[in-house]
N, C-alpha and C. Protein backbone atom coordinates (compact mmCIF):
# COMPACT_ATOMS: atom_id res chain seq x y z
N MET A 1 94.84 108.58 92.89
CA MET A 1 95.90 109.37 93.82
C MET A 1 96.64 109.95 92.60
N ALA A 2 97.53 111.35 92.52
CA ALA A 2 97.81 111.56 91.45
C ALA A 2 99.86 111.09 91.99
N GLU A 3 100.57 111.26 90.93
CA GLU A 3 101.43 110.28 90.52
C GLU A 3 101.86 111.28 91.94
N ILE A 4 102.89 110.66 92.47
CA ILE A 4 103.67 110.79 94.34
C ILE A 4 105.02 110.56 94.44
N THR A 5 106.23 110.92 94.32
CA THR A 5 107.07 111.23 93.81
C THR A 5 108.13 111.88 95.48
N GLY A 6 109.32 111.71 94.89
CA GLY A 6 110.23 112.03 95.85
C GLY A 6 110.41 112.28 97.09
N ARG A 7 110.55 113.56 97.98
CA ARG A 7 110.61 113.58 99.39
C ARG A 7 108.69 113.87 99.64
N ASP A 8 108.24 113.92 98.56
CA ASP A 8 106.29 113.78 99.15
C ASP A 8 106.15 112.44 99.42
N LEU A 9 107.05 112.00 98.56
CA LEU A 9 106.65 110.09 98.95
C LEU A 9 106.92 109.67 99.83
N ILE A 10 108.19 110.18 100.10
CA ILE A 10 109.59 109.66 102.02
C ILE A 10 107.94 110.01 102.73
N ALA A 11 107.82 111.47 102.96
CA ALA A 11 106.57 112.00 103.87
C ALA A 11 104.80 111.05 103.38
N TYR A 12 104.92 111.02 102.54
CA TYR A 12 103.37 110.24 102.11
C TYR A 12 103.72 109.07 102.92
N ARG A 13 104.67 108.33 102.50
CA ARG A 13 104.39 106.69 103.45
C ARG A 13 104.94 107.10 105.30
N THR A 14 105.53 108.02 105.21
CA THR A 14 105.93 108.02 106.59
C THR A 14 104.83 108.19 107.61
N ALA A 15 104.03 108.73 107.30
CA ALA A 15 102.35 109.04 107.80
C ALA A 15 102.10 107.80 107.52
N ARG A 16 101.84 106.84 106.75
CA ARG A 16 101.31 105.83 107.24
C ARG A 16 101.36 105.35 108.50
N PHE A 17 102.67 105.32 109.04
CA PHE A 17 103.17 104.31 110.23
C PHE A 17 102.10 105.04 111.71
N PHE A 18 102.08 106.44 111.60
CA PHE A 18 100.80 107.30 112.18
C PHE A 18 99.93 106.09 112.87
N GLU A 19 99.46 105.62 114.29
CA GLU A 19 98.00 105.02 114.03
C GLU A 19 97.31 106.23 114.99
N ASP A 20 96.40 106.22 115.04
CA ASP A 20 94.91 106.96 115.58
C ASP A 20 95.01 107.69 116.72
N GLY A 21 95.27 109.35 117.68
CA GLY A 21 95.69 108.92 118.39
C GLY A 21 96.96 109.19 119.22
N ASP A 22 98.45 108.60 118.59
CA ASP A 22 99.86 108.67 118.92
C ASP A 22 99.85 110.30 118.60
N LEU A 23 101.15 110.69 119.97
CA LEU A 23 101.30 111.33 119.88
C LEU A 23 102.58 111.52 119.23
N VAL A 24 102.86 111.81 118.07
CA VAL A 24 104.41 111.78 117.46
C VAL A 24 105.34 113.22 117.23
N ASN A 25 106.61 113.07 117.17
CA ASN A 25 107.37 114.33 117.27
C ASN A 25 107.75 114.39 115.88
N LEU A 26 107.56 115.46 115.34
CA LEU A 26 108.39 115.57 113.63
C LEU A 26 109.74 116.56 113.89
N GLY A 27 110.83 116.53 114.20
CA GLY A 27 111.97 116.82 114.01
C GLY A 27 112.23 118.21 112.86
N ILE A 28 113.35 118.86 112.69
CA ILE A 28 114.14 118.87 111.92
C ILE A 28 113.23 119.24 110.17
N GLY A 29 113.94 119.89 108.96
CA GLY A 29 113.05 119.95 107.86
C GLY A 29 112.54 118.67 107.38
N MET A 30 112.82 117.68 106.71
CA MET A 30 111.61 117.02 106.44
C MET A 30 111.39 116.59 107.01
N PRO A 31 110.58 115.84 108.12
CA PRO A 31 109.67 115.26 108.69
C PRO A 31 108.93 115.99 108.56
N THR A 32 108.49 117.57 108.69
CA THR A 32 107.60 118.46 108.69
C THR A 32 106.35 118.28 107.79
N LYS A 33 107.08 117.10 106.51
CA LYS A 33 105.94 117.62 105.47
C LYS A 33 105.27 116.56 105.88
N CYS A 34 105.37 115.79 107.15
CA CYS A 34 104.27 114.42 107.09
C CYS A 34 103.02 115.23 107.78
N LEU A 35 102.69 116.87 108.46
CA LEU A 35 101.54 117.24 107.93
C LEU A 35 101.15 117.62 107.27
N ASP A 36 101.69 117.28 105.82
CA ASP A 36 101.04 117.27 104.25
C ASP A 36 100.29 116.49 104.12
N PHE A 37 100.44 115.03 104.84
CA PHE A 37 100.12 114.07 103.93
C PHE A 37 99.14 112.97 105.51
N LEU A 38 98.91 113.55 106.17
CA LEU A 38 98.34 112.78 107.52
C LEU A 38 97.32 111.64 107.14
N PRO A 39 97.31 110.84 107.51
CA PRO A 39 96.29 109.70 106.24
C PRO A 39 94.92 110.14 106.61
N GLU A 40 94.18 110.39 106.56
CA GLU A 40 92.28 110.13 107.00
C GLU A 40 92.01 109.72 107.52
N GLY A 41 91.30 109.97 108.67
CA GLY A 41 90.69 109.68 109.54
C GLY A 41 91.43 108.88 110.75
N VAL A 42 92.86 109.26 110.60
CA VAL A 42 93.86 108.85 111.84
C VAL A 42 94.27 110.11 112.23
N ASP A 43 94.00 110.76 113.89
CA ASP A 43 93.82 111.68 114.28
C ASP A 43 95.14 112.19 115.56
N VAL A 44 96.01 112.32 115.21
CA VAL A 44 97.43 112.64 115.57
C VAL A 44 97.88 113.74 116.16
N TRP A 45 98.91 113.76 117.48
CA TRP A 45 98.91 114.73 117.97
C TRP A 45 100.27 115.28 117.67
N ILE A 46 100.83 116.62 116.73
CA ILE A 46 101.73 116.41 116.38
C ILE A 46 102.56 117.32 117.59
N ASP A 47 104.05 116.55 118.23
CA ASP A 47 104.61 117.70 118.72
C ASP A 47 105.62 118.39 118.46
N THR A 48 106.26 119.14 119.27
CA THR A 48 107.95 119.57 118.74
C THR A 48 108.16 119.40 119.91
N GLU A 49 109.50 119.36 120.37
CA GLU A 49 110.40 119.03 121.17
C GLU A 49 110.68 120.39 122.62
N ASN A 50 110.71 121.73 121.19
CA ASN A 50 110.46 122.82 121.84
C ASN A 50 109.54 123.27 123.04
N GLY A 51 108.30 122.86 123.34
CA GLY A 51 107.90 122.48 124.04
C GLY A 51 106.51 123.27 124.01
N ALA A 52 105.45 122.11 122.79
CA ALA A 52 104.26 122.35 122.45
C ALA A 52 104.31 120.72 121.61
N ILE A 53 102.28 120.96 122.02
CA ILE A 53 102.09 119.72 121.59
C ILE A 53 100.75 120.12 120.93
N GLY A 54 100.14 119.37 119.08
CA GLY A 54 99.17 119.69 118.39
C GLY A 54 99.45 121.02 117.71
N LEU A 55 100.88 120.92 117.49
CA LEU A 55 100.94 121.57 116.01
C LEU A 55 99.98 121.37 114.73
N SER A 56 100.08 122.20 113.86
CA SER A 56 99.00 121.95 113.13
C SER A 56 99.13 122.66 112.05
N GLY A 57 100.45 122.46 111.47
CA GLY A 57 101.12 123.39 110.59
C GLY A 57 100.68 124.96 109.64
N PRO A 58 101.42 125.24 109.21
CA PRO A 58 101.89 126.95 108.78
C PRO A 58 100.32 127.49 108.73
N PRO A 59 100.41 128.85 108.86
CA PRO A 59 99.26 129.54 109.05
C PRO A 59 98.92 129.84 107.36
N ALA A 60 97.89 129.89 106.89
CA ALA A 60 97.72 131.29 105.83
C ALA A 60 98.05 131.65 105.53
N GLU A 61 98.69 132.38 104.53
CA GLU A 61 99.22 134.01 104.21
C GLU A 61 98.06 135.24 105.07
N ASP A 62 96.73 134.52 104.86
CA ASP A 62 96.66 135.76 105.75
C ASP A 62 95.77 135.56 106.90
N GLU A 63 96.30 134.54 107.66
CA GLU A 63 95.84 133.92 108.89
C GLU A 63 96.63 134.39 110.25
N TRP A 64 96.28 134.43 111.04
CA TRP A 64 96.90 134.74 112.08
C TRP A 64 97.08 133.42 112.85
N THR A 65 98.21 133.46 114.08
CA THR A 65 98.79 132.70 114.94
C THR A 65 99.61 133.62 115.46
N ASP A 66 99.89 132.65 116.70
CA ASP A 66 101.37 133.31 117.50
C ASP A 66 102.37 133.13 117.23
N PRO A 67 103.44 133.78 116.93
CA PRO A 67 104.46 133.75 116.04
C PRO A 67 105.25 132.96 116.86
N ASP A 68 105.24 132.75 118.23
CA ASP A 68 105.75 132.12 119.37
C ASP A 68 105.45 130.68 119.15
N VAL A 69 104.82 130.26 118.53
CA VAL A 69 104.70 128.42 118.45
C VAL A 69 105.14 129.16 117.22
N VAL A 70 105.92 127.90 117.23
CA VAL A 70 107.36 127.58 116.62
C VAL A 70 106.64 125.95 116.28
N ASP A 71 107.43 125.11 115.06
CA ASP A 71 108.06 123.52 114.85
C ASP A 71 109.43 123.68 115.44
N ALA A 72 110.17 122.42 115.15
CA ALA A 72 111.23 122.09 115.14
C ALA A 72 112.29 122.88 114.30
N SER A 73 111.71 123.43 113.25
CA SER A 73 112.19 123.68 112.74
C SER A 73 112.65 125.39 112.68
N GLY A 74 111.37 125.86 113.50
CA GLY A 74 111.51 127.21 114.10
C GLY A 74 110.47 127.85 113.40
N ALA A 75 109.40 127.27 112.24
CA ALA A 75 108.85 127.95 111.38
C ALA A 75 107.55 127.86 112.46
N VAL A 76 106.70 129.19 112.36
CA VAL A 76 105.46 129.69 112.80
C VAL A 76 104.61 128.54 112.76
N SER A 77 103.89 128.00 113.81
CA SER A 77 102.64 126.60 113.04
C SER A 77 102.01 127.22 114.15
N LYS A 78 100.62 126.74 113.29
CA LYS A 78 99.48 126.76 113.60
C LYS A 78 99.01 125.52 115.19
N LEU A 79 98.14 126.81 116.24
CA LEU A 79 97.92 125.01 116.83
C LEU A 79 96.75 124.63 117.69
N ARG A 80 96.16 123.49 116.93
CA ARG A 80 95.05 123.20 117.19
C ARG A 80 93.99 123.57 117.68
N GLU A 81 93.27 123.33 118.38
CA GLU A 81 92.13 122.85 119.71
C GLU A 81 92.90 122.39 120.96
N GLY A 82 92.79 122.15 121.89
CA GLY A 82 93.29 121.33 123.09
C GLY A 82 94.84 121.34 122.35
N GLY A 83 95.06 121.93 122.11
CA GLY A 83 96.68 122.00 122.27
C GLY A 83 97.35 122.73 123.02
N CYS A 84 99.00 122.41 123.39
CA CYS A 84 99.11 122.65 124.62
C CYS A 84 100.73 123.64 124.61
N CYS A 85 101.38 124.76 124.92
CA CYS A 85 102.44 125.22 125.18
C CYS A 85 103.36 124.87 126.17
N PHE A 86 105.07 124.16 126.81
CA PHE A 86 104.76 124.38 127.58
C PHE A 86 106.96 124.24 128.57
N ASP A 87 107.25 124.38 128.77
CA ASP A 87 108.09 124.05 129.24
C ASP A 87 109.44 123.87 129.03
N SER A 88 110.84 123.48 128.89
CA SER A 88 111.72 122.50 128.49
C SER A 88 111.68 120.87 129.17
N PHE A 89 111.39 121.65 130.62
CA PHE A 89 111.93 120.55 132.36
C PHE A 89 110.02 119.35 131.45
N THR A 90 109.25 119.87 131.22
CA THR A 90 108.16 119.12 131.02
C THR A 90 108.48 118.33 129.75
N SER A 91 108.97 119.21 128.68
CA SER A 91 109.19 118.36 127.27
C SER A 91 109.37 117.38 127.07
N PHE A 92 110.94 117.32 127.73
CA PHE A 92 111.94 115.78 128.21
C PHE A 92 111.87 115.41 129.05
N GLY A 93 110.52 115.23 130.08
CA GLY A 93 110.05 114.84 131.46
C GLY A 93 109.20 113.65 130.52
N TYR A 94 108.23 113.95 129.69
CA TYR A 94 107.54 113.04 129.17
C TYR A 94 108.11 112.32 127.51
N ILE A 95 109.20 113.54 127.29
CA ILE A 95 109.98 112.19 126.15
C ILE A 95 110.71 111.06 126.91
N ARG A 96 111.70 111.63 127.88
CA ARG A 96 112.44 110.44 128.37
C ARG A 96 111.18 109.33 129.03
N GLY A 97 110.21 109.83 129.53
CA GLY A 97 109.23 108.78 130.46
C GLY A 97 109.13 108.15 128.82
N GLY A 98 108.81 107.86 127.90
CA GLY A 98 108.39 107.22 127.08
C GLY A 98 106.72 107.01 126.40
N HIS A 99 106.56 108.42 126.55
CA HIS A 99 105.19 108.35 125.90
C HIS A 99 105.23 108.94 124.52
N VAL A 100 105.98 109.77 123.69
CA VAL A 100 106.14 109.66 122.45
C VAL A 100 105.80 108.54 121.51
N ALA A 101 104.93 108.20 120.80
CA ALA A 101 104.90 106.74 120.39
C ALA A 101 105.91 106.83 119.21
N ALA A 102 106.00 108.08 118.34
CA ALA A 102 106.86 107.92 117.34
C ALA A 102 107.61 109.07 116.84
N THR A 103 108.77 108.95 116.70
CA THR A 103 109.80 110.39 116.50
C THR A 103 110.20 109.78 114.86
N VAL A 104 109.98 110.90 114.77
CA VAL A 104 110.45 111.21 112.78
C VAL A 104 111.97 112.05 112.86
N LEU A 105 113.25 111.40 111.90
CA LEU A 105 113.64 112.68 111.98
C LEU A 105 114.63 112.64 110.66
N GLY A 106 115.67 112.87 110.85
CA GLY A 106 116.48 113.08 109.10
C GLY A 106 117.44 112.32 109.19
N ALA A 107 118.00 112.45 108.86
CA ALA A 107 120.39 111.38 109.01
C ALA A 107 120.83 112.11 107.67
N TYR A 108 121.98 111.75 108.03
CA TYR A 108 123.58 111.73 107.29
C TYR A 108 123.64 111.00 107.45
N GLU A 109 123.78 109.94 108.19
CA GLU A 109 123.84 108.13 107.59
C GLU A 109 123.22 107.54 108.83
N VAL A 110 122.15 106.56 108.32
CA VAL A 110 121.99 105.02 109.25
C VAL A 110 122.83 104.20 108.84
N ASP A 111 122.98 102.95 109.29
CA ASP A 111 123.45 101.83 109.49
C ASP A 111 122.75 100.68 109.62
N GLN A 112 123.01 99.44 108.95
CA GLN A 112 122.42 97.97 108.61
C GLN A 112 122.33 98.05 110.45
N GLU A 113 122.88 98.33 111.66
CA GLU A 113 123.53 97.84 113.01
C GLU A 113 121.81 98.97 113.32
N GLY A 114 121.12 100.31 113.04
CA GLY A 114 119.80 100.84 113.57
C GLY A 114 121.20 102.19 114.57
N ASN A 115 122.33 102.54 113.33
CA ASN A 115 122.56 103.24 114.58
C ASN A 115 122.14 104.81 113.62
N LEU A 116 122.28 105.77 114.57
CA LEU A 116 122.40 107.07 113.42
C LEU A 116 123.07 108.34 113.69
N ALA A 117 123.40 108.57 112.72
CA ALA A 117 124.26 110.30 112.72
C ALA A 117 123.30 111.13 112.05
N ASN A 118 122.82 112.01 112.92
CA ASN A 118 122.47 113.06 112.64
C ASN A 118 122.31 114.55 112.85
N TRP A 119 123.40 114.29 113.59
CA TRP A 119 123.10 115.62 114.38
C TRP A 119 124.46 116.98 114.13
N MET A 120 125.95 116.20 113.57
CA MET A 120 127.10 117.16 112.82
C MET A 120 127.78 116.09 112.26
N VAL A 121 128.91 116.79 111.57
CA VAL A 121 129.38 116.62 110.01
C VAL A 121 131.25 118.14 111.51
N PRO A 122 132.02 116.28 111.31
CA PRO A 122 133.38 117.17 111.42
C PRO A 122 133.51 118.52 111.13
N GLY A 123 134.54 119.57 111.50
CA GLY A 123 134.43 120.85 110.94
C GLY A 123 133.82 121.58 110.74
N ARG A 124 132.72 121.38 110.71
CA ARG A 124 131.47 122.48 110.06
C ARG A 124 130.87 122.74 111.49
N THR A 125 130.07 124.20 111.39
CA THR A 125 129.77 124.78 112.38
C THR A 125 128.56 124.67 112.89
N ILE A 126 128.76 124.13 113.91
CA ILE A 126 126.97 123.60 114.30
C ILE A 126 126.17 124.46 115.97
N ALA A 127 125.38 124.40 116.72
CA ALA A 127 124.45 125.03 116.90
C ALA A 127 124.30 123.55 118.13
N GLY A 128 124.15 123.18 118.17
CA GLY A 128 124.35 122.01 118.84
C GLY A 128 123.49 120.19 118.74
N MET A 129 123.84 119.44 119.55
CA MET A 129 122.48 118.07 119.76
C MET A 129 121.09 118.08 119.42
N GLY A 130 120.81 119.63 120.48
CA GLY A 130 119.58 119.59 120.52
C GLY A 130 118.33 118.17 120.91
N GLY A 131 117.58 117.80 121.17
CA GLY A 131 116.81 117.05 121.59
C GLY A 131 116.98 115.71 120.73
N ALA A 132 117.47 115.87 119.61
CA ALA A 132 117.51 114.30 118.87
C ALA A 132 117.94 113.18 120.16
N MET A 133 119.13 113.08 120.63
CA MET A 133 119.32 111.55 121.92
C MET A 133 117.96 111.41 122.58
N ASP A 134 117.38 112.73 123.12
CA ASP A 134 116.27 112.00 124.07
C ASP A 134 115.29 111.19 123.17
N LEU A 135 115.13 112.06 121.90
CA LEU A 135 114.03 111.66 121.19
C LEU A 135 114.18 110.35 121.22
N VAL A 136 114.98 109.77 119.89
CA VAL A 136 115.60 108.02 119.70
C VAL A 136 115.78 107.39 120.93
N ALA A 137 116.18 107.47 122.03
CA ALA A 137 116.10 106.97 123.29
C ALA A 137 114.95 107.11 123.34
N GLY A 138 113.83 107.89 123.76
CA GLY A 138 112.76 107.23 124.58
C GLY A 138 111.04 107.19 123.75
N ALA A 139 110.85 107.48 122.49
CA ALA A 139 110.36 107.23 121.36
C ALA A 139 110.57 105.89 121.81
N ARG A 140 109.02 105.27 121.10
CA ARG A 140 108.48 103.74 121.08
C ARG A 140 108.82 103.22 119.98
N LYS A 141 109.14 104.48 118.65
CA LYS A 141 109.34 103.50 117.31
C LYS A 141 110.52 105.05 116.84
N VAL A 142 111.48 104.31 116.38
CA VAL A 142 112.45 105.93 115.56
C VAL A 142 111.99 105.12 114.02
N LEU A 143 111.38 106.67 113.56
CA LEU A 143 111.44 106.84 111.72
C LEU A 143 112.22 107.35 111.23
N ILE A 144 113.18 107.31 110.60
CA ILE A 144 113.89 108.24 109.52
C ILE A 144 113.87 108.41 108.07
N MET A 145 113.43 109.81 108.09
CA MET A 145 112.67 109.78 105.88
C MET A 145 114.92 110.34 106.26
N THR A 146 114.91 110.20 105.03
CA THR A 146 116.59 110.37 104.25
C THR A 146 116.23 110.34 102.61
N ASP A 147 116.64 111.06 102.34
CA ASP A 147 117.14 110.87 101.19
C ASP A 147 117.89 109.45 100.76
N HIS A 148 118.38 108.86 99.50
CA HIS A 148 118.36 107.75 99.95
C HIS A 148 120.49 107.73 99.55
N CYS A 149 120.34 108.33 98.97
CA CYS A 149 122.21 109.10 98.60
C CYS A 149 122.20 110.72 98.55
N ASP A 150 122.86 111.22 98.78
CA ASP A 150 123.50 112.66 98.99
C ASP A 150 124.03 113.08 97.85
N LYS A 151 123.80 114.50 98.23
CA LYS A 151 124.33 115.71 96.74
C LYS A 151 124.86 115.11 96.30
N LYS A 152 126.03 113.93 96.12
CA LYS A 152 127.11 113.95 95.90
C LYS A 152 126.70 112.36 95.11
N GLY A 153 125.97 111.53 95.33
CA GLY A 153 125.35 110.45 94.90
C GLY A 153 125.82 109.37 96.41
N ASN A 154 126.48 109.53 96.67
CA ASN A 154 127.06 108.24 97.73
C ASN A 154 126.27 108.52 98.57
N PRO A 155 125.92 106.69 99.16
CA PRO A 155 124.70 106.22 99.75
C PRO A 155 124.92 106.78 101.17
N LYS A 156 124.07 107.24 101.98
CA LYS A 156 123.24 106.83 103.14
C LYS A 156 123.26 106.26 104.54
N ILE A 157 122.91 105.07 103.52
CA ILE A 157 123.19 103.39 104.76
C ILE A 157 124.28 102.88 104.29
N LEU A 158 124.33 102.29 105.47
CA LEU A 158 125.47 102.45 105.32
C LEU A 158 125.85 101.00 106.46
N LYS A 159 126.50 100.39 106.15
CA LYS A 159 127.48 99.36 106.71
C LYS A 159 127.59 99.78 108.79
N LYS A 160 128.47 100.63 108.40
CA LYS A 160 128.40 101.48 109.77
C LYS A 160 129.00 102.55 109.54
N CYS A 161 128.21 103.33 110.75
CA CYS A 161 128.46 104.87 110.04
C CYS A 161 129.72 105.91 110.73
N THR A 162 129.59 106.63 109.73
CA THR A 162 131.36 106.47 110.05
C THR A 162 131.14 108.59 111.26
N LEU A 163 130.22 109.01 110.69
CA LEU A 163 130.00 110.22 111.91
C LEU A 163 129.57 110.01 113.51
N PRO A 164 129.61 111.06 114.09
CA PRO A 164 129.05 110.89 115.52
C PRO A 164 127.41 110.43 115.91
N LEU A 165 127.59 109.17 116.35
CA LEU A 165 126.60 109.19 116.49
C LEU A 165 125.28 109.88 117.29
N THR A 166 124.49 110.14 116.78
CA THR A 166 122.72 109.83 117.70
C THR A 166 123.22 109.15 119.46
N ALA A 167 122.36 107.89 118.50
CA ALA A 167 121.76 107.33 119.10
C ALA A 167 123.13 105.75 118.13
N ALA A 168 122.70 104.74 119.88
CA ALA A 168 122.99 103.33 118.26
C ALA A 168 121.80 102.61 118.79
N LYS A 169 122.35 101.21 118.02
CA LYS A 169 121.45 100.84 117.65
C LYS A 169 119.16 101.30 118.58
N GLU A 170 118.75 102.16 117.45
CA GLU A 170 117.75 102.69 117.79
C GLU A 170 116.55 102.35 117.27
N VAL A 171 117.10 102.37 115.28
CA VAL A 171 116.10 103.26 114.80
C VAL A 171 115.82 101.76 113.88
N ASP A 172 113.93 101.71 113.99
CA ASP A 172 113.01 100.70 113.98
C ASP A 172 112.93 100.82 111.70
N TYR A 173 112.83 102.19 111.46
CA TYR A 173 112.06 102.38 110.10
C TYR A 173 113.15 102.94 109.10
N ILE A 174 113.79 103.35 107.98
CA ILE A 174 114.25 104.06 106.84
C ILE A 174 113.45 104.15 105.78
N ILE A 175 112.76 105.74 105.60
CA ILE A 175 112.04 105.90 104.74
C ILE A 175 112.55 106.43 103.41
N THR A 176 113.42 106.66 102.02
CA THR A 176 113.89 107.19 101.42
C THR A 176 112.49 107.16 100.65
N GLU A 177 113.48 107.83 99.35
CA GLU A 177 112.60 108.25 98.01
C GLU A 177 112.01 106.70 96.72
N LEU A 178 112.74 105.68 97.80
CA LEU A 178 113.32 104.27 96.83
C LEU A 178 112.71 103.25 97.83
N ALA A 179 112.68 103.45 99.10
CA ALA A 179 111.96 101.94 99.54
C ALA A 179 112.18 102.02 100.80
N VAL A 180 111.18 101.34 101.23
CA VAL A 180 110.98 101.66 103.14
C VAL A 180 112.03 100.20 103.40
N LEU A 181 112.96 100.27 104.27
CA LEU A 181 113.98 99.30 104.91
C LEU A 181 113.28 99.05 107.02
N HIS A 182 113.76 97.85 107.03
CA HIS A 182 113.00 97.67 108.41
C HIS A 182 114.01 97.15 109.12
N GLN A 183 114.76 97.39 110.61
CA GLN A 183 115.68 97.62 111.38
C GLN A 183 114.66 95.67 111.81
N THR A 184 115.32 94.94 111.11
CA THR A 184 115.24 94.04 112.36
C THR A 184 116.15 92.81 113.34
N PRO A 185 116.10 91.79 113.87
CA PRO A 185 117.13 91.23 115.05
C PRO A 185 117.64 89.99 113.78
N ASN A 186 116.65 89.90 112.44
CA ASN A 186 117.78 89.18 111.81
C ASN A 186 118.20 89.67 110.44
N GLY A 187 118.17 91.48 110.37
CA GLY A 187 119.01 92.11 109.46
C GLY A 187 118.11 92.96 108.99
N LEU A 188 118.35 94.59 108.35
CA LEU A 188 117.82 95.85 107.57
C LEU A 188 117.38 94.93 105.84
N VAL A 189 115.88 94.95 106.40
CA VAL A 189 114.78 94.02 105.22
C VAL A 189 114.38 95.24 104.61
N LEU A 190 114.94 94.95 103.14
CA LEU A 190 113.83 95.64 101.78
C LEU A 190 112.76 95.48 102.33
N GLU A 191 111.80 96.09 102.61
CA GLU A 191 110.25 95.65 102.97
C GLU A 191 108.69 95.92 101.43
N GLU A 192 109.67 97.49 101.24
CA GLU A 192 108.78 98.41 100.04
C GLU A 192 109.62 99.16 99.05
N LEU A 193 109.40 99.55 98.31
CA LEU A 193 109.79 100.01 96.83
C LEU A 193 108.67 100.59 95.93
N ALA A 194 109.23 101.49 95.56
CA ALA A 194 108.52 103.04 95.73
C ALA A 194 108.25 102.43 93.88
N PRO A 195 106.64 102.84 93.54
CA PRO A 195 107.05 102.57 92.30
C PRO A 195 107.42 103.04 90.85
N GLY A 196 107.63 101.70 90.30
CA GLY A 196 108.70 101.87 89.01
C GLY A 196 110.27 101.60 89.40
N VAL A 197 110.37 101.10 91.32
CA VAL A 197 111.82 101.52 91.35
C VAL A 197 112.64 99.93 91.53
N SER A 198 113.06 99.31 91.52
CA SER A 198 113.61 97.59 91.26
C SER A 198 114.18 97.12 92.35
N VAL A 199 114.74 96.09 92.75
CA VAL A 199 115.75 95.72 93.59
C VAL A 199 117.36 96.24 93.31
N GLU A 200 117.08 96.04 91.76
CA GLU A 200 118.70 96.31 91.72
C GLU A 200 119.01 97.37 92.35
N GLU A 201 118.06 98.16 91.40
CA GLU A 201 118.43 100.18 91.75
C GLU A 201 118.65 99.87 93.46
N VAL A 202 117.80 99.66 94.20
CA VAL A 202 118.52 99.93 95.99
C VAL A 202 119.46 99.24 96.57
N VAL A 203 119.75 97.87 95.52
CA VAL A 203 120.92 97.18 96.06
C VAL A 203 122.36 98.56 95.56
N SER A 204 122.11 98.45 94.42
CA SER A 204 123.39 99.15 94.13
C SER A 204 123.45 100.38 94.65
N LYS A 205 122.34 101.14 95.05
CA LYS A 205 122.76 102.42 95.46
C LYS A 205 122.46 102.62 97.12
N THR A 206 122.27 101.06 98.42
CA THR A 206 122.93 100.79 99.36
C THR A 206 124.20 100.36 100.16
N ALA A 207 124.99 100.96 100.26
CA ALA A 207 126.02 100.24 101.00
C ALA A 207 126.00 99.45 102.27
N ALA A 208 125.15 100.04 102.69
CA ALA A 208 123.98 98.27 103.55
C ALA A 208 124.08 97.13 103.07
N GLU A 209 124.40 96.25 103.68
CA GLU A 209 123.92 94.24 103.03
C GLU A 209 122.44 95.18 103.76
N LEU A 210 122.11 93.81 102.72
CA LEU A 210 119.94 93.90 102.73
C LEU A 210 119.54 92.63 102.88
N VAL A 211 118.69 92.63 103.58
CA VAL A 211 117.62 91.49 103.72
C VAL A 211 116.74 91.36 102.76
N ILE A 212 116.91 90.32 101.27
CA ILE A 212 115.42 90.46 100.69
C ILE A 212 114.26 89.07 100.90
N PRO A 213 113.48 89.29 101.10
CA PRO A 213 112.62 88.94 101.14
C PRO A 213 112.18 88.67 99.37
N ALA A 214 110.89 86.99 100.16
CA ALA A 214 110.72 86.92 98.14
C ALA A 214 109.06 87.45 97.99
N GLU A 215 108.86 88.21 98.67
CA GLU A 215 107.18 89.74 98.54
C GLU A 215 107.81 90.90 99.35
N ILE A 216 107.70 91.65 98.28
CA ILE A 216 108.58 93.53 98.52
C ILE A 216 106.90 93.74 98.34
N LYS A 217 106.53 94.92 98.85
CA LYS A 217 105.04 95.32 99.16
C LYS A 217 105.71 96.78 98.69
N SER A 218 104.48 97.32 97.69
CA SER A 218 104.38 98.35 96.64
C SER A 218 104.66 100.12 98.47
N MET A 219 105.12 100.69 98.24
CA MET A 219 105.65 102.05 99.17
C MET A 219 103.27 103.12 99.02
N ILE A 220 103.16 102.59 98.10
CA ILE A 220 102.02 103.11 97.47
C ILE A 220 100.56 101.84 97.52
């Protein structure tokens, strides 16, 4: 396999959490990249909380598709055979009913207690929380895709979130370009490292306290 790094690596590794037959929700931004890295032989149904199941990615340049079928980011998407569209009442009914196997979201901050802050920064104009609160509470597995640090180099994985929370103690895994971190009853465990990344680098760029096991797997 060709070298894969950065956000492509995050999307590649996140997609490896999906299991055959899963209903998976992909949130705004980076999570939609998972469509480019779905595992071979694993058939998943991609959901968007704005009212569709069966999204299969953007159309080719000369390919027609319904402009009203969009992903969570508002980008036009194809709809696979068997896919369907419906109203928001139905959408949030199955989300709240626990039928989503995994939800994949980005984050401004996430902490060692499994708390997530991903919907607003005080002082900035925002459109609203959207469906993130329902998705995090209703999905059976919560996967957070994020750069390990922000644009200023500050850690995004903290001891305690400082921004308004989307959900408390709901995060299961954090996937970054450096590592995979697993939220467990014993703490935030460093389970996997990206190729060429050391434990020391991850620790230096993480404000949370990490549990370091004797053996750590590779993300690839």
